[in-house]
Structures are given as C-alpha cells and as structure tokens.
N, C-alpha and C. Protein backbone atom coordinates (compact mmCIF):
# COMPACT_ATOMS: atom_id res chain seq x y z
N MET A 1 81.48 16.37 -85.39
CA MET A 1 82.58 17.20 -85.07
C MET A 1 82.56 17.53 -83.57
N SER A 2 83.66 17.32 -82.95
CA SER A 2 83.72 17.60 -81.52
C SER A 2 84.45 18.91 -81.28
N THR A 3 84.03 19.56 -80.26
CA THR A 3 84.61 20.85 -79.94
C THR A 3 85.83 20.65 -79.07
N ASP A 4 86.88 21.40 -79.33
CA ASP A 4 88.12 21.29 -78.55
C ASP A 4 87.99 22.18 -77.31
N LEU A 5 87.99 21.53 -76.16
CA LEU A 5 87.87 22.26 -74.90
C LEU A 5 89.17 22.26 -74.11
N SER A 6 90.27 22.01 -74.73
CA SER A 6 91.55 21.95 -74.03
C SER A 6 91.95 23.31 -73.47
N TRP A 7 91.44 24.35 -74.02
CA TRP A 7 91.78 25.69 -73.54
C TRP A 7 91.21 25.99 -72.15
N LEU A 8 90.22 25.14 -71.67
CA LEU A 8 89.63 25.34 -70.35
C LEU A 8 90.50 24.79 -69.22
N ALA A 9 91.48 23.94 -69.51
CA ALA A 9 92.31 23.33 -68.48
C ALA A 9 93.04 24.35 -67.61
N PRO A 10 93.58 25.43 -68.14
CA PRO A 10 94.26 26.39 -67.26
C PRO A 10 93.30 27.20 -66.38
N LEU A 11 92.01 27.14 -66.64
CA LEU A 11 91.06 27.92 -65.86
C LEU A 11 90.54 27.17 -64.64
N ARG A 12 91.27 26.17 -64.20
CA ARG A 12 90.82 25.42 -63.03
C ARG A 12 90.76 26.33 -61.82
N ASP A 13 90.05 25.88 -60.80
CA ASP A 13 89.86 26.67 -59.59
C ASP A 13 91.19 26.82 -58.87
N ILE A 14 91.60 28.02 -58.63
CA ILE A 14 92.90 28.24 -57.99
C ILE A 14 92.77 28.37 -56.47
N HIS A 15 91.52 28.43 -55.97
CA HIS A 15 91.32 28.50 -54.53
C HIS A 15 90.84 27.14 -54.02
N PRO A 16 91.56 26.57 -53.08
CA PRO A 16 91.12 25.26 -52.56
C PRO A 16 89.85 25.45 -51.71
N ALA A 17 89.06 24.41 -51.61
CA ALA A 17 87.84 24.44 -50.79
C ALA A 17 88.22 24.55 -49.32
N PRO A 18 87.40 25.22 -48.54
CA PRO A 18 87.73 25.32 -47.11
C PRO A 18 87.63 23.94 -46.47
N PRO A 19 88.45 23.70 -45.46
CA PRO A 19 88.40 22.38 -44.81
C PRO A 19 87.05 22.21 -44.10
N LEU A 20 86.61 20.97 -44.06
CA LEU A 20 85.36 20.68 -43.37
C LEU A 20 85.54 20.89 -41.88
N ASP A 21 84.63 21.62 -41.30
CA ASP A 21 84.67 21.83 -39.86
C ASP A 21 83.91 20.67 -39.23
N GLU A 22 84.64 19.71 -38.70
CA GLU A 22 84.04 18.47 -38.20
C GLU A 22 83.09 18.75 -37.02
N GLY A 23 83.42 19.68 -36.18
CA GLY A 23 82.56 19.99 -35.04
C GLY A 23 81.23 20.57 -35.47
N ARG A 24 81.25 21.46 -36.44
CA ARG A 24 80.01 22.07 -36.91
C ARG A 24 79.13 21.03 -37.59
N LEU A 25 79.74 20.14 -38.35
CA LEU A 25 78.98 19.10 -39.03
C LEU A 25 78.34 18.14 -38.03
N THR A 26 79.07 17.80 -36.99
CA THR A 26 78.54 16.91 -35.96
C THR A 26 77.39 17.58 -35.22
N ALA A 27 77.55 18.84 -34.88
CA ALA A 27 76.50 19.56 -34.17
C ALA A 27 75.25 19.68 -35.03
N LEU A 28 75.42 19.95 -36.30
CA LEU A 28 74.28 20.07 -37.20
C LEU A 28 73.54 18.74 -37.35
N SER A 29 74.30 17.66 -37.48
CA SER A 29 73.65 16.35 -37.62
C SER A 29 72.94 15.96 -36.32
N LEU A 30 73.53 16.29 -35.17
CA LEU A 30 72.88 16.01 -33.90
C LEU A 30 71.59 16.82 -33.76
N LEU A 31 71.63 18.06 -34.17
CA LEU A 31 70.43 18.90 -34.13
C LEU A 31 69.33 18.33 -35.02
N LEU A 32 69.69 17.87 -36.20
CA LEU A 32 68.69 17.28 -37.10
C LEU A 32 68.08 16.01 -36.51
N VAL A 33 68.89 15.20 -35.86
CA VAL A 33 68.37 13.98 -35.22
C VAL A 33 67.42 14.34 -34.09
N LEU A 34 67.79 15.33 -33.27
CA LEU A 34 66.91 15.75 -32.18
C LEU A 34 65.61 16.33 -32.69
N LEU A 35 65.67 17.10 -33.76
CA LEU A 35 64.45 17.65 -34.34
C LEU A 35 63.56 16.55 -34.90
N ALA A 36 64.17 15.50 -35.42
CA ALA A 36 63.38 14.38 -35.94
C ALA A 36 62.74 13.59 -34.79
N LEU A 37 63.41 13.53 -33.63
CA LEU A 37 62.88 12.77 -32.50
C LEU A 37 61.90 13.56 -31.65
N LEU A 38 61.88 14.86 -31.79
CA LEU A 38 61.02 15.69 -30.96
C LEU A 38 59.54 15.31 -31.05
N PRO A 39 58.97 15.11 -32.24
CA PRO A 39 57.56 14.69 -32.28
C PRO A 39 57.32 13.35 -31.58
N LEU A 40 58.27 12.44 -31.68
CA LEU A 40 58.12 11.15 -30.99
C LEU A 40 58.16 11.32 -29.48
N LEU A 41 59.02 12.19 -29.00
CA LEU A 41 59.10 12.43 -27.56
C LEU A 41 57.82 13.08 -27.04
N ILE A 42 57.29 14.03 -27.79
CA ILE A 42 56.05 14.69 -27.39
C ILE A 42 54.90 13.70 -27.39
N ARG A 43 54.82 12.88 -28.42
CA ARG A 43 53.74 11.89 -28.51
C ARG A 43 53.83 10.86 -27.39
N GLY A 44 55.06 10.45 -27.06
CA GLY A 44 55.25 9.50 -25.97
C GLY A 44 54.83 10.08 -24.63
N ARG A 45 55.11 11.34 -24.42
CA ARG A 45 54.70 11.99 -23.18
C ARG A 45 53.18 12.08 -23.08
N GLN A 46 52.55 12.43 -24.19
CA GLN A 46 51.08 12.48 -24.19
C GLN A 46 50.51 11.10 -23.93
N TRP A 47 51.09 10.08 -24.51
CA TRP A 47 50.61 8.71 -24.33
C TRP A 47 50.72 8.29 -22.86
N ARG A 48 51.86 8.61 -22.22
CA ARG A 48 52.05 8.26 -20.82
C ARG A 48 51.04 8.99 -19.93
N ARG A 49 50.79 10.27 -20.23
CA ARG A 49 49.83 11.03 -19.45
C ARG A 49 48.43 10.44 -19.58
N ARG A 50 48.05 10.07 -20.79
CA ARG A 50 46.72 9.48 -20.99
C ARG A 50 46.59 8.15 -20.28
N ARG A 51 47.65 7.35 -20.33
CA ARG A 51 47.59 6.05 -19.64
C ARG A 51 47.45 6.24 -18.14
N ALA A 52 48.18 7.20 -17.58
CA ALA A 52 48.07 7.46 -16.14
C ALA A 52 46.67 7.96 -15.81
N TRP A 53 46.13 8.81 -16.68
CA TRP A 53 44.78 9.33 -16.45
C TRP A 53 43.77 8.19 -16.47
N LEU A 54 43.92 7.28 -17.42
CA LEU A 54 42.99 6.14 -17.51
C LEU A 54 43.14 5.20 -16.31
N ARG A 55 44.36 5.03 -15.81
CA ARG A 55 44.55 4.19 -14.62
C ARG A 55 43.80 4.77 -13.42
N HIS A 56 43.91 6.07 -13.23
CA HIS A 56 43.19 6.71 -12.13
C HIS A 56 41.68 6.64 -12.36
N TRP A 57 41.27 6.75 -13.60
CA TRP A 57 39.85 6.71 -13.94
C TRP A 57 39.23 5.40 -13.47
N GLN A 58 39.94 4.31 -13.66
CA GLN A 58 39.37 2.99 -13.37
C GLN A 58 39.13 2.76 -11.88
N VAL A 59 39.87 3.43 -11.01
CA VAL A 59 39.71 3.17 -9.57
C VAL A 59 38.97 4.30 -8.85
N ALA A 60 38.69 5.39 -9.53
CA ALA A 60 38.06 6.54 -8.88
C ALA A 60 36.55 6.33 -8.73
N PRO A 61 35.98 6.87 -7.67
CA PRO A 61 34.51 6.82 -7.55
C PRO A 61 33.86 7.74 -8.58
N TRP A 62 32.60 7.53 -8.81
CA TRP A 62 31.91 8.23 -9.89
C TRP A 62 31.94 9.76 -9.75
N PRO A 63 31.74 10.37 -8.57
CA PRO A 63 31.81 11.83 -8.50
C PRO A 63 33.17 12.39 -8.93
N GLU A 64 34.25 11.67 -8.59
CA GLU A 64 35.59 12.12 -9.02
C GLU A 64 35.74 12.00 -10.53
N ARG A 65 35.18 10.94 -11.09
CA ARG A 65 35.24 10.77 -12.55
C ARG A 65 34.52 11.91 -13.25
N HIS A 66 33.35 12.25 -12.74
CA HIS A 66 32.58 13.33 -13.34
C HIS A 66 33.35 14.66 -13.27
N ALA A 67 33.93 14.95 -12.10
CA ALA A 67 34.68 16.20 -11.94
C ALA A 67 35.89 16.23 -12.86
N ALA A 68 36.56 15.09 -13.00
CA ALA A 68 37.73 15.04 -13.89
C ALA A 68 37.31 15.23 -15.34
N LEU A 69 36.20 14.62 -15.75
CA LEU A 69 35.70 14.82 -17.11
C LEU A 69 35.32 16.27 -17.36
N ARG A 70 34.70 16.89 -16.37
CA ARG A 70 34.33 18.31 -16.52
C ARG A 70 35.57 19.18 -16.73
N ARG A 71 36.58 18.93 -15.89
CA ARG A 71 37.82 19.72 -16.03
C ARG A 71 38.52 19.45 -17.36
N LEU A 72 38.53 18.20 -17.76
CA LEU A 72 39.19 17.84 -19.01
C LEU A 72 38.51 18.51 -20.20
N THR A 73 37.19 18.47 -20.24
CA THR A 73 36.49 19.08 -21.37
C THR A 73 36.51 20.60 -21.29
N ALA A 74 36.57 21.15 -20.09
CA ALA A 74 36.66 22.61 -19.95
C ALA A 74 38.00 23.13 -20.44
N SER A 75 39.05 22.29 -20.38
CA SER A 75 40.35 22.72 -20.89
C SER A 75 40.32 22.84 -22.41
N ARG A 76 39.48 22.05 -23.06
CA ARG A 76 39.38 22.10 -24.53
C ARG A 76 38.29 23.08 -24.98
N TRP A 77 37.14 23.05 -24.29
CA TRP A 77 36.01 23.90 -24.65
C TRP A 77 35.58 24.68 -23.41
N PRO A 78 36.14 25.84 -23.16
CA PRO A 78 35.80 26.60 -21.94
C PRO A 78 34.32 26.97 -21.85
N ASP A 79 33.65 27.09 -22.98
CA ASP A 79 32.23 27.45 -22.94
C ASP A 79 31.36 26.35 -22.34
N LEU A 80 31.86 25.13 -22.26
CA LEU A 80 31.09 24.02 -21.69
C LEU A 80 31.20 23.94 -20.17
N ALA A 81 32.08 24.72 -19.58
CA ALA A 81 32.32 24.59 -18.14
C ALA A 81 31.09 24.92 -17.31
N THR A 82 30.25 25.80 -17.77
CA THR A 82 29.10 26.21 -16.98
C THR A 82 27.79 25.58 -17.44
N GLN A 83 27.85 24.69 -18.41
CA GLN A 83 26.64 24.06 -18.93
C GLN A 83 26.08 23.06 -17.92
N PRO A 84 24.76 22.94 -17.83
CA PRO A 84 24.19 21.87 -17.01
C PRO A 84 24.50 20.51 -17.64
N THR A 85 24.36 19.48 -16.86
CA THR A 85 24.78 18.15 -17.31
C THR A 85 24.16 17.71 -18.63
N PRO A 86 22.84 17.79 -18.85
CA PRO A 86 22.30 17.32 -20.14
C PRO A 86 22.85 18.12 -21.34
N ALA A 87 22.97 19.43 -21.19
CA ALA A 87 23.52 20.24 -22.29
C ALA A 87 24.99 19.95 -22.50
N TRP A 88 25.71 19.70 -21.42
CA TRP A 88 27.13 19.36 -21.51
C TRP A 88 27.33 18.04 -22.25
N LEU A 89 26.54 17.03 -21.91
CA LEU A 89 26.65 15.74 -22.57
C LEU A 89 26.26 15.83 -24.05
N ALA A 90 25.23 16.61 -24.36
CA ALA A 90 24.83 16.78 -25.76
C ALA A 90 25.92 17.50 -26.55
N ALA A 91 26.55 18.49 -25.94
CA ALA A 91 27.63 19.20 -26.62
C ALA A 91 28.83 18.29 -26.85
N LEU A 92 29.13 17.42 -25.90
CA LEU A 92 30.23 16.47 -26.09
C LEU A 92 29.93 15.52 -27.24
N GLU A 93 28.67 15.16 -27.37
CA GLU A 93 28.28 14.26 -28.46
C GLU A 93 28.49 14.93 -29.81
N THR A 94 28.14 16.20 -29.92
CA THR A 94 28.29 16.88 -31.20
C THR A 94 29.74 17.26 -31.49
N ARG A 95 30.52 17.54 -30.45
CA ARG A 95 31.89 18.03 -30.68
C ARG A 95 32.91 16.93 -30.86
N CYS A 96 32.75 15.81 -30.18
CA CYS A 96 33.77 14.77 -30.33
C CYS A 96 33.19 13.39 -30.62
N GLY A 97 31.89 13.27 -30.72
CA GLY A 97 31.28 12.00 -31.08
C GLY A 97 31.11 11.03 -29.92
N ALA A 98 31.34 11.49 -28.70
CA ALA A 98 31.13 10.62 -27.54
C ALA A 98 29.63 10.51 -27.29
N ARG A 99 29.10 9.34 -27.45
CA ARG A 99 27.65 9.15 -27.32
C ARG A 99 27.27 8.98 -25.85
N LEU A 100 27.14 10.10 -25.17
CA LEU A 100 26.82 10.08 -23.75
C LEU A 100 25.49 10.72 -23.42
N SER A 101 24.88 11.41 -24.36
CA SER A 101 23.66 12.16 -24.04
C SER A 101 22.48 11.23 -23.71
N SER A 102 22.55 9.99 -24.11
CA SER A 102 21.46 9.07 -23.77
C SER A 102 21.44 8.75 -22.28
N TRP A 103 22.55 8.99 -21.58
CA TRP A 103 22.63 8.72 -20.15
C TRP A 103 22.35 9.97 -19.31
N ALA A 104 21.97 11.06 -19.94
CA ALA A 104 21.77 12.33 -19.22
C ALA A 104 20.74 12.24 -18.09
N PRO A 105 19.60 11.54 -18.25
CA PRO A 105 18.62 11.51 -17.15
C PRO A 105 19.17 10.86 -15.87
N GLU A 106 20.01 9.85 -16.02
CA GLU A 106 20.54 9.14 -14.84
C GLU A 106 21.84 9.73 -14.33
N TRP A 107 22.52 10.56 -15.11
CA TRP A 107 23.87 11.02 -14.81
C TRP A 107 23.96 11.70 -13.44
N ASP A 108 23.06 12.62 -13.16
CA ASP A 108 23.12 13.34 -11.88
C ASP A 108 22.89 12.40 -10.71
N GLY A 109 22.07 11.38 -10.90
CA GLY A 109 21.87 10.39 -9.85
C GLY A 109 23.14 9.62 -9.55
N TRP A 110 23.96 9.38 -10.56
CA TRP A 110 25.24 8.69 -10.35
C TRP A 110 26.21 9.59 -9.61
N ILE A 111 26.18 10.88 -9.93
CA ILE A 111 27.13 11.80 -9.30
C ILE A 111 26.86 11.91 -7.80
N TYR A 112 25.62 12.05 -7.43
CA TYR A 112 25.27 12.28 -6.03
C TYR A 112 24.99 10.99 -5.26
N GLY A 113 25.25 9.85 -5.88
CA GLY A 113 25.17 8.58 -5.19
C GLY A 113 23.78 8.04 -4.96
N ALA A 114 22.78 8.60 -5.61
CA ALA A 114 21.42 8.12 -5.42
C ALA A 114 21.21 6.75 -6.07
N GLN A 115 21.96 6.49 -7.13
CA GLN A 115 21.83 5.20 -7.82
C GLN A 115 23.19 4.77 -8.36
N PRO A 116 23.45 3.47 -8.41
CA PRO A 116 24.73 3.00 -8.94
C PRO A 116 24.75 3.10 -10.47
N VAL A 117 25.94 3.13 -11.01
CA VAL A 117 26.10 3.17 -12.47
C VAL A 117 25.89 1.76 -13.00
N PRO A 118 24.91 1.56 -13.90
CA PRO A 118 24.71 0.21 -14.46
C PRO A 118 25.91 -0.21 -15.32
N PRO A 119 26.14 -1.51 -15.42
CA PRO A 119 27.28 -1.98 -16.21
C PRO A 119 27.22 -1.54 -17.67
N ALA A 120 26.04 -1.48 -18.26
CA ALA A 120 25.93 -1.05 -19.66
C ALA A 120 26.37 0.40 -19.82
N ALA A 121 25.99 1.24 -18.87
CA ALA A 121 26.39 2.65 -18.92
C ALA A 121 27.88 2.78 -18.69
N ALA A 122 28.42 2.02 -17.75
CA ALA A 122 29.86 2.08 -17.48
C ALA A 122 30.65 1.67 -18.72
N GLN A 123 30.19 0.64 -19.42
CA GLN A 123 30.88 0.21 -20.65
C GLN A 123 30.77 1.26 -21.74
N ALA A 124 29.61 1.89 -21.85
CA ALA A 124 29.44 2.93 -22.88
C ALA A 124 30.33 4.13 -22.59
N ILE A 125 30.44 4.49 -21.34
CA ILE A 125 31.30 5.63 -20.97
C ILE A 125 32.76 5.28 -21.18
N GLU A 126 33.14 4.05 -20.82
CA GLU A 126 34.51 3.60 -21.05
C GLU A 126 34.84 3.60 -22.55
N ALA A 127 33.85 3.24 -23.38
CA ALA A 127 34.08 3.24 -24.83
C ALA A 127 34.18 4.65 -25.39
N ALA A 128 33.49 5.61 -24.77
CA ALA A 128 33.53 7.00 -25.24
C ALA A 128 34.76 7.74 -24.74
N LEU A 129 35.40 7.24 -23.71
CA LEU A 129 36.53 7.93 -23.11
C LEU A 129 37.70 8.15 -24.06
N PRO A 130 38.09 7.17 -24.89
CA PRO A 130 39.18 7.44 -25.83
C PRO A 130 38.86 8.58 -26.80
N ARG A 131 37.61 8.70 -27.22
CA ARG A 131 37.24 9.83 -28.10
C ARG A 131 37.39 11.16 -27.37
N LEU A 132 36.99 11.19 -26.11
CA LEU A 132 37.13 12.41 -25.32
C LEU A 132 38.60 12.77 -25.13
N LEU A 133 39.41 11.78 -24.81
CA LEU A 133 40.84 12.04 -24.61
C LEU A 133 41.53 12.44 -25.90
N ALA A 134 41.06 11.91 -27.03
CA ALA A 134 41.65 12.30 -28.31
C ALA A 134 41.25 13.72 -28.70
N ALA A 135 40.05 14.13 -28.33
CA ALA A 135 39.57 15.47 -28.69
C ALA A 135 40.13 16.54 -27.77
N CYS A 136 40.44 16.18 -26.55
CA CYS A 136 40.93 17.15 -25.57
C CYS A 136 42.45 17.06 -25.49
N PRO A 137 43.11 18.13 -25.04
CA PRO A 137 44.55 18.06 -24.89
C PRO A 137 44.93 17.03 -23.83
N ALA A 138 46.13 16.55 -23.92
CA ALA A 138 46.58 15.54 -22.97
C ALA A 138 46.50 16.08 -21.55
N PRO A 139 45.79 15.40 -20.68
CA PRO A 139 45.69 15.88 -19.30
C PRO A 139 47.04 15.83 -18.61
N LEU A 140 47.35 16.88 -17.88
CA LEU A 140 48.64 16.93 -17.19
C LEU A 140 48.70 15.88 -16.08
N ARG A 141 47.66 15.81 -15.30
CA ARG A 141 47.60 14.82 -14.23
C ARG A 141 46.14 14.63 -13.85
N TRP A 142 45.91 13.59 -13.11
CA TRP A 142 44.55 13.32 -12.65
C TRP A 142 44.18 14.35 -11.61
N GLN A 143 43.03 14.99 -11.82
CA GLN A 143 42.53 15.96 -10.84
C GLN A 143 41.08 15.61 -10.54
N PRO A 144 40.84 15.07 -9.35
CA PRO A 144 39.46 14.71 -9.01
C PRO A 144 38.60 15.94 -8.76
C-alpha cells in the first residue's frame, strides 16, 4: 500500500532562493586556492634559502663556516651558543643526529688555521649539514 502524498504539492517553497553573488563566490574560491598554495610558497622559500646557504658554505673559508654553523644552531638551541666546541658538537650529535663529535679534537685547529681540514672530515661535515639544516629553522641569509 502506498501513501498518498499529493496533499504536499501546495506546500512548496513560496520564497525563491537568493541569487548567487558571483563576486563573493569568486573571492571565496580565490581565497581557498591561496590558502592551499601558502604551504607550497613557504616551503619553496625555505628551500631557496637553504640552497643559497649551501652555495655560500661551499666557497667560504673554514672559520666563516664555523661561525655560520654556530649562529645557525644558536637560532634553534640558544643554550648551545656559549658551549665550548667539544660540548657543542656532542650536543649537536644528540639533538639532530649530526655525527660531528668525533672531529672535536681537530675542530679548533681548523678554525684557527693551524691545520687544514682533511677530505674525510670535510665529507663527513658535508654529509651532516643537511641534518643540521633540517633541524634548524631556515637561515635567512648567510652570515659569516
């Protein structure tokens, strides 16, 4: 048995829907697109800053590299700014996994120019640099 619903026909909506405001709809859709692109824009800016930082890193002398690393890590961990070099390198190893503490005995000699950086150490530091940059905020610019 089916129910007769013909009596509902006169109860149709007597108020028409408001017209679509085309300008508001366009503005809302544009806002949604910009909000979706915002993380990509931020990530791209961080990527460009890191690439520029790495470019400067490759041509800078060792004392400038050390100073830049100190500033970079101090921006993330202010308590490390005053640590001596061996404690600073050990803390970097525990906090971001950069295996640099094995080079602590020679590190100060590299900074003050008493001895050149061996190729094995340079490669190890270059390999640890992406971990440091990932753990620290994107550097604004190279600061020797």
